[in-house]
C-alpha atoms as a PDB file:
ATOM      1  CA  UNK A   1       0.000   0.000   0.000  1.00  0.00           C
ATOM      2  CA  UNK A   2       2.783   2.416   0.937  1.00  0.00           C
ATOM      3  CA  UNK A   3       4.665   1.629  -2.281  1.00  0.00           C
ATOM      4  CA  UNK A   4       1.625   2.434  -4.410  1.00  0.00           C
ATOM      5  CA  UNK A   5       1.147   5.755  -2.628  1.00  0.00           C
ATOM      6  CA  UNK A   6       4.767   6.745  -3.230  1.00  0.00           C
ATOM      7  CA  UNK A   7       4.522   5.848  -6.909  1.00  0.00           C
ATOM      8  CA  UNK A   8       1.313   7.867  -7.317  1.00  0.00           C
ATOM      9  CA  UNK A   9       2.916  10.868  -5.592  1.00  0.00           C
ATOM     10  CA  UNK A  10       5.982  10.763  -7.785  1.00  0.00           C
ATOM     11  CA  UNK A  11       3.834  10.491 -10.898  1.00  0.00           C
ATOM     12  CA  UNK A  12       1.789  13.572  -9.914  1.00  0.00           C
ATOM     13  CA  UNK A  13       5.009  15.439  -9.172  1.00  0.00           C
ATOM     14  CA  UNK A  14       6.514  14.649 -12.581  1.00  0.00           C
ATOM     15  CA  UNK A  15       3.306  15.736 -14.311  1.00  0.00           C
ATOM     16  CA  UNK A  16       3.169  19.028 -12.439  1.00  0.00           C
ATOM     17  CA  UNK A  17       6.839  19.711 -13.124  1.00  0.00           C
ATOM     18  CA  UNK A  18       6.477  19.182 -16.875  1.00  0.00           C
ATOM     19  CA  UNK A  19       3.420  21.425 -16.967  1.00  0.00           C
ATOM     20  CA  UNK A  20       5.280  24.197 -15.154  1.00  0.00           C
ATOM     21  CA  UNK A  21       8.232  23.954 -17.552  1.00  0.00           C
ATOM     22  CA  UNK A  22       6.106  24.035 -20.698  1.00  0.00           C
ATOM     23  CA  UNK A  23       5.556  27.808 -20.562  1.00  0.00           C
ATOM     24  CA  UNK A  24       9.225  28.836 -20.331  1.00  0.00           C
ATOM     25  CA  UNK A  25      10.175  26.241 -22.940  1.00  0.00           C
ATOM     26  CA  UNK A  26       7.548  27.657 -25.311  1.00  0.00           C
ATOM     27  CA  UNK A  27       8.889  31.189 -24.819  1.00  0.00           C
ATOM     28  CA  UNK A  28      12.441  30.036 -25.502  1.00  0.00           C
ATOM     29  CA  UNK A  29      11.250  28.199 -28.609  1.00  0.00           C
ATOM     30  CA  UNK A  30       9.613  31.304 -30.065  1.00  0.00           C
ATOM     31  CA  UNK A  31      12.339  33.792 -29.127  1.00  0.00           C
ATOM     32  CA  UNK A  32      15.393  31.657 -29.816  1.00  0.00           C
ATOM     33  CA  UNK A  33      14.271  29.361 -32.653  1.00  0.00           C
ATOM     34  CA  UNK A  34      11.030  30.244 -34.447  1.00  0.00           C
ATOM     35  CA  UNK A  35      11.168  34.045 -34.799  1.00  0.00           C
ATOM     36  CA  UNK A  36      14.881  34.193 -35.710  1.00  0.00           C
ATOM     37  CA  UNK A  37      14.295  31.417 -38.259  1.00  0.00           C
ATOM     38  CA  UNK A  38      11.465  33.415 -39.863  1.00  0.00           C
ATOM     39  CA  UNK A  39      13.697  36.484 -39.980  1.00  0.00           C
ATOM     40  CA  UNK A  40      16.493  34.419 -41.513  1.00  0.00           C
ATOM     41  CA  UNK A  41      14.149  33.239 -44.276  1.00  0.00           C
ATOM     42  CA  UNK A  42      13.027  36.834 -44.836  1.00  0.00           C
ATOM     43  CA  UNK A  43      16.665  37.968 -45.085  1.00  0.00           C
ATOM     44  CA  UNK A  44      17.414  35.309 -47.686  1.00  0.00           C
ATOM     45  CA  UNK A  45      14.332  36.338 -49.659  1.00  0.00           C
ATOM     46  CA  UNK A  46      15.298  39.991 -49.401  1.00  0.00           C
ATOM     47  CA  UNK A  47      18.893  39.409 -50.512  1.00  0.00           C
ATOM     48  CA  UNK A  48      17.728  37.417 -53.530  1.00  0.00           C
ATOM     49  CA  UNK A  49      15.130  40.067 -54.388  1.00  0.00           C
ATOM     50  CA  UNK A  50      17.656  42.921 -54.209  1.00  0.00           C
ATOM     51  CA  UNK A  51      20.097  41.029 -56.422  1.00  0.00           C
ATOM     52  CA  UNK A  52      17.311  40.243 -58.913  1.00  0.00           C
ATOM     53  CA  UNK A  53      16.333  43.915 -58.846  1.00  0.00           C
ATOM     54  CA  UNK A  54      19.894  44.995 -59.643  1.00  0.00           C
ATOM     55  CA  UNK A  55      20.258  42.460 -62.473  1.00  0.00           C
ATOM     56  CA  UNK A  56      16.877  43.331 -63.989  1.00  0.00           C
ATOM     57  CA  UNK A  57      17.561  47.071 -63.805  1.00  0.00           C
ATOM     58  CA  UNK A  58      20.964  46.630 -65.461  1.00  0.00           C
ATOM     59  CA  UNK A  59      19.440  44.450 -68.179  1.00  0.00           C
ATOM     60  CA  UNK A  60      16.738  47.011 -68.947  1.00  0.00           C
ATOM     61  CA  UNK A  61      19.364  49.749 -69.119  1.00  0.00           C
ATOM     62  CA  UNK A  62      21.555  47.668 -71.433  1.00  0.00           C
ATOM     63  CA  UNK A  63      18.698  47.255 -73.941  1.00  0.00           C
ATOM     64  CA  UNK A  64      17.969  50.983 -74.106  1.00  0.00           C
ATOM     65  CA  UNK A  65      18.969  53.169 -77.042  1.00  0.00           C
ATOM     66  CA  UNK A  66      19.974  56.294 -75.082  1.00  0.00           C
ATOM     67  CA  UNK A  67      21.280  57.035 -71.618  1.00  0.00           C
ATOM     68  CA  UNK A  68      18.068  58.848 -70.680  1.00  0.00           C
ATOM     69  CA  UNK A  69      16.007  55.817 -71.685  1.00  0.00           C
ATOM     70  CA  UNK A  70      18.385  53.549 -69.747  1.00  0.00           C
ATOM     71  CA  UNK A  71      17.978  55.611 -66.591  1.00  0.00           C
ATOM     72  CA  UNK A  72      14.189  55.557 -66.841  1.00  0.00           C
ATOM     73  CA  UNK A  73      14.031  51.844 -67.619  1.00  0.00           C
ATOM     74  CA  UNK A  74      16.308  50.961 -64.697  1.00  0.00           C
ATOM     75  CA  UNK A  75      14.245  53.048 -62.304  1.00  0.00           C
ATOM     76  CA  UNK A  76      10.945  51.507 -63.450  1.00  0.00           C
ATOM     77  CA  UNK A  77      12.318  47.971 -63.049  1.00  0.00           C
ATOM     78  CA  UNK A  78      13.554  48.738 -59.524  1.00  0.00           C
ATOM     79  CA  UNK A  79      10.233  50.244 -58.414  1.00  0.00           C
ATOM     80  CA  UNK A  80       8.252  47.339 -59.876  1.00  0.00           C
ATOM     81  CA  UNK A  81      10.286  44.626 -58.139  1.00  0.00           C
ATOM     82  CA  UNK A  82      10.468  46.514 -54.835  1.00  0.00           C
ATOM     83  CA  UNK A  83       6.663  46.761 -54.729  1.00  0.00           C
ATOM     84  CA  UNK A  84       6.164  43.093 -55.681  1.00  0.00           C
ATOM     85  CA  UNK A  85       5.174  40.334 -53.264  1.00  0.00           C
ATOM     86  CA  UNK A  86       8.781  39.329 -52.630  1.00  0.00           C
ATOM     87  CA  UNK A  87       9.747  42.918 -51.909  1.00  0.00           C
ATOM     88  CA  UNK A  88       6.875  43.371 -49.487  1.00  0.00           C
ATOM     89  CA  UNK A  89       7.634  40.080 -47.721  1.00  0.00           C
ATOM     90  CA  UNK A  90      11.229  41.205 -47.164  1.00  0.00           C
ATOM     91  CA  UNK A  91      10.043  44.724 -46.212  1.00  0.00           C
ATOM     92  CA  UNK A  92      12.405  46.355 -48.695  1.00  0.00           C
ATOM     93  CA  UNK A  93      12.955  50.088 -48.363  1.00  0.00           C
ATOM     94  CA  UNK A  94      15.120  51.925 -50.926  1.00  0.00           C
ATOM     95  CA  UNK A  95      18.090  53.891 -49.650  1.00  0.00           C
ATOM     96  CA  UNK A  96      18.514  57.111 -51.655  1.00  0.00           C
ATOM     97  CA  UNK A  97      19.253  56.425 -55.335  1.00  0.00           C
ATOM     98  CA  UNK A  98      17.797  58.003 -58.462  1.00  0.00           C
ATOM     99  CA  UNK A  99      14.419  59.567 -57.580  1.00  0.00           C
ATOM    100  CA  UNK A 100      14.486  57.589 -54.332  1.00  0.00           C
ATOM    101  CA  UNK A 101      14.348  54.263 -56.189  1.00  0.00           C
ATOM    102  CA  UNK A 102      17.328  52.754 -54.365  1.00  0.00           C
ATOM    103  CA  UNK A 103      19.396  52.313 -57.540  1.00  0.00           C
ATOM    104  CA  UNK A 104      22.189  54.368 -59.112  1.00  0.00           C
ATOM    105  CA  UNK A 105      23.192  53.984 -62.757  1.00  0.00           C
ATOM    106  CA  UNK A 106      26.840  54.118 -63.828  1.00  0.00           C
ATOM    107  CA  UNK A 107      28.649  53.617 -67.140  1.00  0.00           C
ATOM    108  CA  UNK A 108      31.918  51.701 -67.378  1.00  0.00           C
ATOM    109  CA  UNK A 109      34.260  52.182 -70.338  1.00  0.00           C
ATOM    110  CA  UNK A 110      36.918  49.484 -70.836  1.00  0.00           C
ATOM    111  CA  UNK A 111      39.746  49.953 -73.311  1.00  0.00           C
ATOM    112  CA  UNK A 112      40.296  46.774 -75.316  1.00  0.00           C
ATOM    113  CA  UNK A 113      44.065  47.204 -75.616  1.00  0.00           C
ATOM    114  CA  UNK A 114      45.041  48.195 -72.089  1.00  0.00           C
ATOM    115  CA  UNK A 115      42.019  46.620 -70.299  1.00  0.00           C
ATOM    116  CA  UNK A 116      41.825  49.761 -68.163  1.00  0.00           C
ATOM    117  CA  UNK A 117      38.346  50.733 -67.028  1.00  0.00           C
ATOM    118  CA  UNK A 118      36.865  54.130 -66.240  1.00  0.00           C
ATOM    119  CA  UNK A 119      33.497  54.438 -64.493  1.00  0.00           C
ATOM    120  CA  UNK A 120      31.231  57.489 -64.784  1.00  0.00           C
ATOM    121  CA  UNK A 121      28.167  58.532 -62.837  1.00  0.00           C
ATOM    122  CA  UNK A 122      25.936  58.127 -61.089  1.00  0.00           C
ATOM    123  CA  UNK A 123      22.779  59.042 -62.967  1.00  0.00           C
ATOM    124  CA  UNK A 124      24.440  61.357 -65.493  1.00  0.00           C
ATOM    125  CA  UNK A 125      25.653  60.571 -69.021  1.00  0.00           C
ATOM    126  CA  UNK A 126      29.453  60.294 -69.184  1.00  0.00           C
ATOM    127  CA  UNK A 127      31.292  63.224 -70.850  1.00  0.00           C
ATOM    128  CA  UNK A 128      32.909  61.025 -73.499  1.00  0.00           C
ATOM    129  CA  UNK A 129      32.720  60.361 -77.218  1.00  0.00           C
ATOM    130  CA  UNK A 130      31.901  56.722 -77.835  1.00  0.00           C
ATOM    131  CA  UNK A 131      34.378  54.686 -79.883  1.00  0.00           C
ATOM    132  CA  UNK A 132      33.295  51.062 -80.251  1.00  0.00           C
ATOM    133  CA  UNK A 133      36.479  50.212 -82.170  1.00  0.00           C
ATOM    134  CA  UNK A 134      38.681  50.647 -79.117  1.00  0.00           C
ATOM    135  CA  UNK A 135      36.369  50.422 -76.105  1.00  0.00           C
ATOM    136  CA  UNK A 136      33.626  48.283 -74.558  1.00  0.00           C
ATOM    137  CA  UNK A 137      30.743  49.855 -72.648  1.00  0.00           C
ATOM    138  CA  UNK A 138      28.539  48.526 -69.862  1.00  0.00           C
ATOM    139  CA  UNK A 139      25.735  49.864 -67.707  1.00  0.00           C
ATOM    140  CA  UNK A 140      26.312  49.252 -63.984  1.00  0.00           C
ATOM    141  CA  UNK A 141      23.493  49.385 -61.436  1.00  0.00           C
ATOM    142  CA  UNK A 142      24.177  49.626 -57.716  1.00  0.00           C
ATOM    143  CA  UNK A 143      21.092  48.773 -55.636  1.00  0.00           C
ATOM    144  CA  UNK A 144      21.000  49.644 -51.920  1.00  0.00           C
ATOM    145  CA  UNK A 145      18.033  48.681 -49.741  1.00  0.00           C
ATOM    146  CA  UNK A 146      17.098  48.182 -46.097  1.00  0.00           C
ATOM    147  CA  UNK A 147      15.170  44.975 -45.417  1.00  0.00           C
ATOM    148  CA  UNK A 148      13.259  43.378 -42.570  1.00  0.00           C
ATOM    149  CA  UNK A 149      13.048  42.228 -39.946  1.00  0.00           C
ATOM    150  CA  UNK A 150       9.858  40.323 -40.765  1.00  0.00           C
ATOM    151  CA  UNK A 151       9.258  39.715 -37.044  1.00  0.00           C
ATOM    152  CA  UNK A 152      10.492  42.808 -35.227  1.00  0.00           C
ATOM    153  CA  UNK A 153      12.381  41.723 -32.100  1.00  0.00           C
ATOM    154  CA  UNK A 154      13.654  45.188 -31.265  1.00  0.00           C
ATOM    155  CA  UNK A 155      12.093  45.000 -27.789  1.00  0.00           C
ATOM    156  CA  UNK A 156      13.921  41.782 -26.895  1.00  0.00           C
ATOM    157  CA  UNK A 157      17.133  42.328 -24.893  1.00  0.00           C
ATOM    158  CA  UNK A 158      20.472  41.343 -26.441  1.00  0.00           C
ATOM    159  CA  UNK A 159      19.068  41.156 -30.013  1.00  0.00           C
ATOM    160  CA  UNK A 160      17.602  44.629 -30.537  1.00  0.00           C
ATOM    161  CA  UNK A 161      20.780  45.771 -32.302  1.00  0.00           C
ATOM    162  CA  UNK A 162      21.199  42.678 -34.499  1.00  0.00           C
ATOM    163  CA  UNK A 163      20.565  43.580 -38.195  1.00  0.00           C
ATOM    164  CA  UNK A 164      17.716  41.583 -39.669  1.00  0.00           C
ATOM    165  CA  UNK A 165      16.453  40.530 -36.226  1.00  0.00           C
ATOM    166  CA  UNK A 166      16.083  43.618 -34.067  1.00  0.00           C
ATOM    167  CA  UNK A 167      16.566  46.274 -36.741  1.00  0.00           C
ATOM    168  CA  UNK A 168      16.650  46.484 -40.574  1.00  0.00           C
ATOM    169  CA  UNK A 169      19.680  45.114 -42.396  1.00  0.00           C
ATOM    170  CA  UNK A 170      21.192  47.142 -45.253  1.00  0.00           C
ATOM    171  CA  UNK A 171      22.375  45.301 -48.349  1.00  0.00           C
ATOM    172  CA  UNK A 172      23.957  46.604 -51.554  1.00  0.00           C
ATOM    173  CA  UNK A 173      24.459  44.727 -54.835  1.00  0.00           C
ATOM    174  CA  UNK A 174      26.183  45.727 -58.077  1.00  0.00           C
ATOM    175  CA  UNK A 175      25.110  44.279 -61.437  1.00  0.00           C
ATOM    176  CA  UNK A 176      26.362  45.031 -64.960  1.00  0.00           C
ATOM    177  CA  UNK A 177      24.997  44.601 -68.468  1.00  0.00           C
ATOM    178  CA  UNK A 178      26.634  45.250 -71.831  1.00  0.00           C
ATOM    179  CA  UNK A 179      25.308  48.293 -73.676  1.00  0.00           C
ATOM    180  CA  UNK A 180      23.432  47.097 -76.766  1.00  0.00           C
ATOM    181  CA  UNK A 181      23.424  50.629 -78.216  1.00  0.00           C
ATOM    182  CA  UNK A 182      26.647  52.264 -77.003  1.00  0.00           C
ATOM    183  CA  UNK A 183      26.288  55.133 -79.493  1.00  0.00           C
ATOM    184  CA  UNK A 184      23.568  56.575 -77.249  1.00  0.00           C
ATOM    185  CA  UNK A 185      25.633  56.630 -74.058  1.00  0.00           C
ATOM    186  CA  UNK A 186      27.983  59.611 -74.123  1.00  0.00           C
ATOM    187  CA  UNK A 187      27.487  63.326 -74.483  1.00  0.00           C
ATOM    188  CA  UNK A 188      30.037  63.435 -77.308  1.00  0.00           C
ATOM    189  CA  UNK A 189      32.351  65.800 -75.426  1.00  0.00           C
ATOM    190  CA  UNK A 190      35.879  64.976 -74.344  1.00  0.00           C
ATOM    191  CA  UNK A 191      38.446  62.283 -75.149  1.00  0.00           C
ATOM    192  CA  UNK A 192      37.825  58.585 -75.232  1.00  0.00           C
ATOM    193  CA  UNK A 193      38.174  57.225 -71.721  1.00  0.00           C
ATOM    194  CA  UNK A 194      40.764  54.555 -71.140  1.00  0.00           C
ATOM    195  CA  UNK A 195      43.241  55.770 -73.757  1.00  0.00           C
ATOM    196  CA  UNK A 196      43.239  55.378 -77.523  1.00  0.00           C
ATOM    197  CA  UNK A 197      43.023  58.004 -80.233  1.00  0.00           C
ATOM    198  CA  UNK A 198      41.110  61.197 -79.578  1.00  0.00           C
ATOM    199  CA  UNK A 199      37.697  61.525 -81.194  1.00  0.00           C
ATOM    200  CA  UNK A 200      35.536  64.554 -81.897  1.00  0.00           C
ATOM    201  CA  UNK A 201      32.057  64.876 -83.283  1.00  0.00           C
ATOM    202  CA  UNK A 202      31.725  66.355 -86.800  1.00  0.00           C
ATOM    203  CA  UNK A 203      29.996  69.730 -87.120  1.00  0.00           C
ATOM    204  CA  UNK A 204      26.826  68.139 -88.445  1.00  0.00           C
ATOM    205  CA  UNK A 205      26.525  65.731 -85.525  1.00  0.00           C
ATOM    206  CA  UNK A 206      26.805  61.954 -85.584  1.00  0.00           C
ATOM    207  CA  UNK A 207      29.934  59.898 -85.240  1.00  0.00           C
ATOM    208  CA  UNK A 208      30.867  59.435 -88.904  1.00  0.00           C
ATOM    209  CA  UNK A 209      33.791  57.259 -90.011  1.00  0.00           C
ATOM    210  CA  UNK A 210      37.480  57.594 -89.118  1.00  0.00           C
ATOM    211  CA  UNK A 211      39.621  59.694 -91.452  1.00  0.00           C
ATOM    212  CA  UNK A 212      43.375  60.123 -91.524  1.00  0.00           C
ATOM    213  CA  UNK A 213      44.465  63.775 -91.928  1.00  0.00           C
ATOM    214  CA  UNK A 214      47.838  64.588 -93.534  1.00  0.00           C
ATOM    215  CA  UNK A 215      49.464  65.051 -90.114  1.00  0.00           C
ATOM    216  CA  UNK A 216      48.545  61.532 -89.028  1.00  0.00           C
ATOM    217  CA  UNK A 217      46.436  60.463 -86.053  1.00  0.00           C
ATOM    218  CA  UNK A 218      42.866  59.315 -86.283  1.00  0.00           C
ATOM    219  CA  UNK A 219      39.973  61.778 -86.004  1.00  0.00           C
ATOM    220  CA  UNK A 220      36.275  61.431 -86.659  1.00  0.00           C
ATOM    221  CA  UNK A 221      34.624  63.249 -89.540  1.00  0.00           C
ATOM    222  CA  UNK A 222      31.431  63.051 -91.586  1.00  0.00           C
ATOM    223  CA  UNK A 223      31.044  60.178 -94.013  1.00  0.00           C
ATOM    224  CA  UNK A 224      32.670  60.851 -97.420  1.00  0.00           C
ATOM    225  CA  UNK A 225      33.631  64.393 -96.385  1.00  0.00           C
ATOM    226  CA  UNK A 226      36.698  66.103 -97.830  1.00  0.00           C
ATOM    227  CA  UNK A 227      39.146  67.960 -95.569  1.00  0.00           C
ATOM    228  CA  UNK A 228      39.567  71.690 -96.123  1.00  0.00           C
ATOM    229  CA  UNK A 229      41.420  72.403 -99.300  1.00  0.00           C
ATOM    230  CA  UNK A 230      40.655  69.010-100.841  1.00  0.00           C
ATOM    231  CA  UNK A 231      42.808  65.937-100.855  1.00  0.00           C
ATOM    232  CA  UNK A 232      43.444  63.742 -97.876  1.00  0.00           C
ATOM    233  CA  UNK A 233      42.363  60.219 -97.030  1.00  0.00           C
ATOM    234  CA  UNK A 234      38.652  59.456 -96.653  1.00  0.00           C
ATOM    235  CA  UNK A 235      36.975  56.182 -95.662  1.00  0.00           C
ATOM    236  CA  UNK A 236      34.204  55.218 -98.147  1.00  0.00           C
ATOM    237  CA  UNK A 237      30.947  53.637 -96.914  1.00  0.00           C
ATOM    238  CA  UNK A 238      32.194  50.148 -97.842  1.00  0.00           C
ATOM    239  CA  UNK A 239      35.152  50.414 -95.488  1.00  0.00           C
ATOM    240  CA  UNK A 240      38.867  50.710 -96.219  1.00  0.00           C
ATOM    241  CA  UNK A 241      40.969  53.789 -96.875  1.00  0.00           C
ATOM    242  CA  UNK A 242      41.045  55.349-100.331  1.00  0.00           C
ATOM    243  CA  UNK A 243      42.825  58.446-101.600  1.00  0.00           C
ATOM    244  CA  UNK A 244      41.087  61.480-103.065  1.00  0.00           C
ATOM    245  CA  UNK A 245      42.475  64.490-104.766  1.00  0.00           C
ATOM    246  CA  UNK A 246      41.522  67.691-106.478  1.00  0.00           C
END
């Protein structure tokens, strides 16, 4: 009889102890495991969304015919993705950028011979004359956004200053895309960046074809135009260098 009473007492004690520990264990589970895990998933979603935003903006800029169109297309792509479901889930907020979109547009000019690169910007056309014979051109988009936390734990001690858990985390990505229409990039003023021969726009506008003046050195002049006084070397539309005279 005494043994049964002791066993029943111990059983009730174990049951009461487990019930009392369930509450603290549940709190630890939510604060230490569940909520941080949700925020971690949100951070991964946000990082992927920001990178996609940068790549998409750069791609839209690369397909544009002029720098102004590239800037507008990049901005529209950034705003669209930021306001999408993924952007809202990650609580993306743009940090500065063109018109507050969170993105800045640059142009990189790489000389083929020396492989030196000059970068211009942001959000202004580069003061260069484009020369596709000696240089390669890309549009570069830098996207900077604050994201999360999805579950704000700013009131929890020890984690209120942890980015992505107790406060927003700031991420920045850089994406590039080749310029499909490089002739629309520059303002046509100044030397070719990255070295190479100097180029100038002809009086009538446009880039024209390269001509070789008597003093040597390549310049840019109108197609089939004659230098002052006649004579000189002029490139015909079919390519090559032919001589002309009075």
